[in-house]
Amino acid sequence: MKIAFIGEAVSGFGGMETVISNVIYTFENSSPKINCEMFFFCRNDKMDKAWLKEIKYAQSFSNIKLSFLRRAKHVYNFSQWLKETSPDIVICIDVISCLYANKARKKSGKQFTIFSWPHFSLDHKKHAECITYADYHLAISSGIKEQMMARGISAQKY
């Protein structure tokens, strides 16, 4: 099985990086082995990558100022990556990535399941509605689960 973790670039110094790298390490050392890769949507190359030293990853870069054009470039780049890697599952570590994954799935013609895995409150996030583009959801707290339900996500999708 192959799992892709995707999201916008993170600083490289926070708790999300620790959690994600620990989950990937656990999956890759399980039996049978689960292959994991990461894909980042970046505006620049400032992310500290030290935490990725043992993780296979790819990046899409776009510093286009117009958001719809920047998103289109990221979706295109991700759809090309999907054709090469063919993951079985895509786990989105932020809400906008749910939209990117959904559009890239259609563009690439690949079949995979999309999970959202937000690490922060949806009530204070730009593009929080994009979480509805995921097929299933991993809520890290009851508060986030309630916020998902408030956005019309069925309890059967957790």
C-alpha atoms as a PDB file:
ATOM      1  CA  MET A   1       0.000   0.000   0.000  1.00  0.00           C
ATOM      2  CA  LYS A   2       1.170   3.530  -0.769  1.00  0.00           C
ATOM      3  CA  ILE A   3       0.084   6.586   1.227  1.00  0.00           C
ATOM      4  CA  ALA A   4       0.769  10.182   0.215  1.00  0.00           C
ATOM      5  CA  PHE A   5       0.675  12.957   2.796  1.00  0.00           C
ATOM      6  CA  ILE A   6       0.095  16.310   1.120  1.00  0.00           C
ATOM      7  CA  GLY A   7      -0.152  19.908   2.210  1.00  0.00           C
ATOM      8  CA  GLU A   8       1.122  23.420   1.974  1.00  0.00           C
ATOM      9  CA  ALA A   9       4.715  23.903   3.072  1.00  0.00           C
ATOM     10  CA  VAL A  10       5.238  23.901   6.840  1.00  0.00           C
ATOM     11  CA  SER A  11       8.024  25.672   8.725  1.00  0.00           C
ATOM     12  CA  GLY A  12       9.896  22.480   9.554  1.00  0.00           C
ATOM     13  CA  PHE A  13      10.132  23.277  13.255  1.00  0.00           C
ATOM     14  CA  GLY A  14       6.676  22.511  14.687  1.00  0.00           C
ATOM     15  CA  GLY A  15       4.552  19.796  16.170  1.00  0.00           C
ATOM     16  CA  MET A  16       2.875  18.853  12.892  1.00  0.00           C
ATOM     17  CA  GLU A  17       6.229  17.858  11.462  1.00  0.00           C
ATOM     18  CA  THR A  18       6.937  15.648  14.476  1.00  0.00           C
ATOM     19  CA  VAL A  19       3.542  13.942  14.323  1.00  0.00           C
ATOM     20  CA  ILE A  20       3.667  13.392  10.568  1.00  0.00           C
ATOM     21  CA  SER A  21       7.209  12.018  10.594  1.00  0.00           C
ATOM     22  CA  ASN A  22       6.332   9.684  13.497  1.00  0.00           C
ATOM     23  CA  VAL A  23       3.238   8.399  11.665  1.00  0.00           C
ATOM     24  CA  ILE A  24       5.250   7.824   8.487  1.00  0.00           C
ATOM     25  CA  TYR A  25       8.010   6.065  10.428  1.00  0.00           C
ATOM     26  CA  THR A  26       5.415   3.807  12.112  1.00  0.00           C
ATOM     27  CA  PHE A  27       3.742   2.949   8.785  1.00  0.00           C
ATOM     28  CA  GLU A  28       7.017   2.218   7.030  1.00  0.00           C
ATOM     29  CA  ASN A  29       8.183  -0.052   9.829  1.00  0.00           C
ATOM     30  CA  SER A  30       4.911  -1.974  10.002  1.00  0.00           C
ATOM     31  CA  SER A  31       4.345  -5.405   8.576  1.00  0.00           C
ATOM     32  CA  PRO A  32       3.434  -5.506   5.784  1.00  0.00           C
ATOM     33  CA  LYS A  33       5.319  -2.332   4.956  1.00  0.00           C
ATOM     34  CA  ILE A  34       3.330   0.735   3.970  1.00  0.00           C
ATOM     35  CA  ASN A  35       5.218   3.062   1.621  1.00  0.00           C
ATOM     36  CA  CYS A  36       4.758   6.752   2.397  1.00  0.00           C
ATOM     37  CA  GLU A  37       5.657   9.878   0.480  1.00  0.00           C
ATOM     38  CA  MET A  38       4.943  13.575   0.931  1.00  0.00           C
ATOM     39  CA  PHE A  39       3.984  16.268  -1.539  1.00  0.00           C
ATOM     40  CA  PHE A  40       4.149  19.964  -0.652  1.00  0.00           C
ATOM     41  CA  PHE A  41       2.529  22.989  -2.279  1.00  0.00           C
ATOM     42  CA  CYS A  42       5.055  25.830  -1.888  1.00  0.00           C
ATOM     43  CA  ARG A  43       5.383  29.512  -2.734  1.00  0.00           C
ATOM     44  CA  ASN A  44       9.132  29.520  -2.108  1.00  0.00           C
ATOM     45  CA  ASP A  45      11.921  27.212  -0.968  1.00  0.00           C
ATOM     46  CA  LYS A  46      12.189  28.445   2.627  1.00  0.00           C
ATOM     47  CA  MET A  47      10.847  25.342   4.397  1.00  0.00           C
ATOM     48  CA  ASP A  48      13.424  23.725   6.674  1.00  0.00           C
ATOM     49  CA  LYS A  49      13.726  20.188   5.306  1.00  0.00           C
ATOM     50  CA  ALA A  50      15.886  18.644   8.036  1.00  0.00           C
ATOM     51  CA  TRP A  51      12.864  16.738   9.380  1.00  0.00           C
ATOM     52  CA  LEU A  52      12.381  15.146   5.936  1.00  0.00           C
ATOM     53  CA  LYS A  53      15.819  13.493   5.834  1.00  0.00           C
ATOM     54  CA  GLU A  54      14.373   9.962   5.765  1.00  0.00           C
ATOM     55  CA  ILE A  55      11.087  10.802   4.032  1.00  0.00           C
ATOM     56  CA  LYS A  56      10.646  10.724   0.270  1.00  0.00           C
ATOM     57  CA  TYR A  57       9.012  13.970  -0.837  1.00  0.00           C
ATOM     58  CA  ALA A  58       8.244  16.176  -3.827  1.00  0.00           C
ATOM     59  CA  GLN A  59       7.254  19.810  -4.125  1.00  0.00           C
ATOM     60  CA  SER A  60       5.244  22.058  -6.401  1.00  0.00           C
ATOM     61  CA  PHE A  61       6.507  25.640  -6.504  1.00  0.00           C
ATOM     62  CA  SER A  62       4.425  28.612  -7.561  1.00  0.00           C
ATOM     63  CA  ASN A  63       4.814  32.222  -6.540  1.00  0.00           C
ATOM     64  CA  ILE A  64       2.054  33.391  -8.880  1.00  0.00           C
ATOM     65  CA  LYS A  65       0.178  36.189  -7.115  1.00  0.00           C
ATOM     66  CA  LEU A  66      -3.267  35.374  -8.554  1.00  0.00           C
ATOM     67  CA  SER A  67      -4.558  32.589  -6.336  1.00  0.00           C
ATOM     68  CA  PHE A  68      -6.649  30.799  -8.971  1.00  0.00           C
ATOM     69  CA  LEU A  69      -3.621  30.574 -11.293  1.00  0.00           C
ATOM     70  CA  ARG A  70      -1.334  29.472  -8.451  1.00  0.00           C
ATOM     71  CA  ARG A  71      -3.846  26.775  -7.500  1.00  0.00           C
ATOM     72  CA  ALA A  72      -4.173  25.628 -11.111  1.00  0.00           C
ATOM     73  CA  LYS A  73      -0.398  25.193 -11.322  1.00  0.00           C
ATOM     74  CA  HIS A  74      -0.329  23.214  -8.068  1.00  0.00           C
ATOM     75  CA  VAL A  75      -3.213  20.986  -9.213  1.00  0.00           C
ATOM     76  CA  TYR A  76      -1.464  20.323 -12.529  1.00  0.00           C
ATOM     77  CA  ASN A  77       1.876  19.512 -10.858  1.00  0.00           C
ATOM     78  CA  PHE A  78       0.197  17.263  -8.302  1.00  0.00           C
ATOM     79  CA  SER A  79      -1.819  15.439 -10.991  1.00  0.00           C
ATOM     80  CA  GLN A  80       1.437  14.703 -12.852  1.00  0.00           C
ATOM     81  CA  TRP A  81       3.000  13.407  -9.623  1.00  0.00           C
ATOM     82  CA  LEU A  82      -0.068  11.211  -9.042  1.00  0.00           C
ATOM     83  CA  LYS A  83       0.395   9.608 -12.462  1.00  0.00           C
ATOM     84  CA  GLU A  84       3.978   8.705 -11.525  1.00  0.00           C
ATOM     85  CA  THR A  85       3.416   7.513  -7.951  1.00  0.00           C
ATOM     86  CA  SER A  86      -0.152   6.096  -7.929  1.00  0.00           C
ATOM     87  CA  PRO A  87      -0.912   6.306  -4.190  1.00  0.00           C
ATOM     88  CA  ASP A  88      -3.782   4.272  -2.766  1.00  0.00           C
ATOM     89  CA  ILE A  89      -4.570   6.898  -0.129  1.00  0.00           C
ATOM     90  CA  VAL A  90      -3.939  10.645   0.026  1.00  0.00           C
ATOM     91  CA  ILE A  91      -3.980  12.286   3.461  1.00  0.00           C
ATOM     92  CA  CYS A  92      -4.364  16.069   3.378  1.00  0.00           C
ATOM     93  CA  ILE A  93      -2.689  17.821   6.302  1.00  0.00           C
ATOM     94  CA  ASP A  94      -4.535  21.092   5.642  1.00  0.00           C
ATOM     95  CA  VAL A  95      -7.918  22.054   4.224  1.00  0.00           C
ATOM     96  CA  ILE A  96      -6.900  23.628   0.896  1.00  0.00           C
ATOM     97  CA  SER A  97      -5.104  20.393  -0.010  1.00  0.00           C
ATOM     98  CA  CYS A  98      -8.458  18.579   0.015  1.00  0.00           C
ATOM     99  CA  LEU A  99      -9.497  20.771  -2.911  1.00  0.00           C
ATOM    100  CA  TYR A 100      -6.161  20.239  -4.695  1.00  0.00           C
ATOM    101  CA  ALA A 101      -6.362  16.461  -4.212  1.00  0.00           C
ATOM    102  CA  ASN A 102      -9.941  16.263  -5.455  1.00  0.00           C
ATOM    103  CA  LYS A 103      -9.206  18.298  -8.596  1.00  0.00           C
ATOM    104  CA  ALA A 104      -5.940  16.460  -9.286  1.00  0.00           C
ATOM    105  CA  ARG A 105      -7.696  13.088  -8.904  1.00  0.00           C
ATOM    106  CA  LYS A 106     -10.127  14.073 -11.654  1.00  0.00           C
ATOM    107  CA  LYS A 107      -7.357  15.504 -13.838  1.00  0.00           C
ATOM    108  CA  SER A 108      -5.044  12.495 -13.446  1.00  0.00           C
ATOM    109  CA  GLY A 109      -7.725   9.830 -13.827  1.00  0.00           C
ATOM    110  CA  LYS A 110      -6.225   7.992 -10.841  1.00  0.00           C
ATOM    111  CA  GLN A 111      -8.413   6.321  -8.234  1.00  0.00           C
ATOM    112  CA  PHE A 112      -7.516   6.848  -4.572  1.00  0.00           C
ATOM    113  CA  THR A 113      -9.207   7.760  -1.324  1.00  0.00           C
ATOM    114  CA  ILE A 114      -8.786  11.269   0.081  1.00  0.00           C
ATOM    115  CA  PHE A 115      -8.634  11.798   3.852  1.00  0.00           C
ATOM    116  CA  SER A 116      -8.555  15.168   5.581  1.00  0.00           C
ATOM    117  CA  TRP A 117      -6.363  15.420   8.680  1.00  0.00           C
ATOM    118  CA  PRO A 118      -6.623  19.015   9.898  1.00  0.00           C
ATOM    119  CA  HIS A 119      -4.447  19.918  12.851  1.00  0.00           C
ATOM    120  CA  PHE A 120      -6.081  23.260  13.637  1.00  0.00           C
ATOM    121  CA  SER A 121      -9.553  24.648  14.286  1.00  0.00           C
ATOM    122  CA  LEU A 122     -11.648  25.008  11.147  1.00  0.00           C
ATOM    123  CA  ASP A 123     -13.461  28.017  12.568  1.00  0.00           C
ATOM    124  CA  HIS A 124     -10.436  30.244  12.097  1.00  0.00           C
ATOM    125  CA  LYS A 125      -9.142  28.848   8.812  1.00  0.00           C
ATOM    126  CA  LYS A 126      -9.404  30.425   5.403  1.00  0.00           C
ATOM    127  CA  HIS A 127     -10.858  27.886   2.952  1.00  0.00           C
ATOM    128  CA  ALA A 128     -12.293  25.698   5.753  1.00  0.00           C
ATOM    129  CA  GLU A 129     -15.114  24.676   3.401  1.00  0.00           C
ATOM    130  CA  CYS A 130     -12.536  22.849   1.242  1.00  0.00           C
ATOM    131  CA  ILE A 131     -12.527  20.054   3.810  1.00  0.00           C
ATOM    132  CA  THR A 132     -15.734  18.772   2.204  1.00  0.00           C
ATOM    133  CA  TYR A 133     -13.715  17.697  -0.867  1.00  0.00           C
ATOM    134  CA  ALA A 134     -12.206  14.799   1.109  1.00  0.00           C
ATOM    135  CA  ASP A 135     -13.857  11.373   1.087  1.00  0.00           C
ATOM    136  CA  TYR A 136     -13.170  10.657   4.767  1.00  0.00           C
ATOM    137  CA  HIS A 137     -11.872  12.580   7.756  1.00  0.00           C
ATOM    138  CA  LEU A 138      -9.438  12.102  10.623  1.00  0.00           C
ATOM    139  CA  ALA A 139     -10.412  14.469  13.446  1.00  0.00           C
ATOM    140  CA  ILE A 140      -7.713  14.931  16.089  1.00  0.00           C
ATOM    141  CA  SER A 141     -10.182  16.329  18.629  1.00  0.00           C
ATOM    142  CA  SER A 142     -13.888  16.320  19.417  1.00  0.00           C
ATOM    143  CA  GLY A 143     -13.898  20.066  18.718  1.00  0.00           C
ATOM    144  CA  ILE A 144     -12.640  19.601  15.169  1.00  0.00           C
ATOM    145  CA  LYS A 145     -15.129  16.758  14.666  1.00  0.00           C
ATOM    146  CA  GLU A 146     -17.959  19.096  15.708  1.00  0.00           C
ATOM    147  CA  GLN A 147     -16.673  21.752  13.305  1.00  0.00           C
ATOM    148  CA  MET A 148     -16.680  19.175  10.500  1.00  0.00           C
ATOM    149  CA  MET A 149     -20.227  18.152  11.347  1.00  0.00           C
ATOM    150  CA  ALA A 150     -21.252  21.831  11.329  1.00  0.00           C
ATOM    151  CA  ARG A 151     -20.028  21.934   7.723  1.00  0.00           C
ATOM    152  CA  GLY A 152     -22.325  19.064   6.765  1.00  0.00           C
ATOM    153  CA  ILE A 153     -19.874  16.174   6.980  1.00  0.00           C
ATOM    154  CA  SER A 154     -21.649  12.956   7.914  1.00  0.00           C
ATOM    155  CA  ALA A 155     -20.618  11.135  11.101  1.00  0.00           C
ATOM    156  CA  GLN A 156     -20.091   7.979   8.971  1.00  0.00           C
ATOM    157  CA  LYS A 157     -17.121   9.656   7.252  1.00  0.00           C
ATOM    158  CA  TYR A 158     -14.870   9.695  10.366  1.00  0.00           C
END
